[in-house]
Amino acid sequence: MAKLIHTDNELSAKDKSIKKVFGNEQSNIVNIQLKAGEGIPEHDSKNPIFIIVRSGTVKFVCPDEEYHLKDSDILYMEAEELHSVEAVTDTDFLVVFLK
């Protein structure tokens, strides 16, 4: 069954917003919004993930490579791949956690 998911712009009220917007047996989707200069310390995911940039520019730093993602870019990461995140500009992206 189809489901419309609406996400609000949270950056007018705060510098960082991390919200789960969907979840079922196959996946979870988290909307992350960061003001320029904000970030997320190094971490990993127990599941593979897709990062889908909706607006802005964001840097994903992995041990062996750095990725500068912009509007409409998609990055795939394997499970347990260490990375940190830094917003180059105000940014809005989705993280799709596969189960």
Foldseek 3Di string as FASTA:
>chain_A
DDDDWDDDPPVVPDAWDWAWGDDDPWKTKIKIWHAAFDKFDKDFAQAKKKKFWQAAWKWKDFPVDIDIDGHGDIDIDGGPGIIMMGGNHTTIIMMIGGD
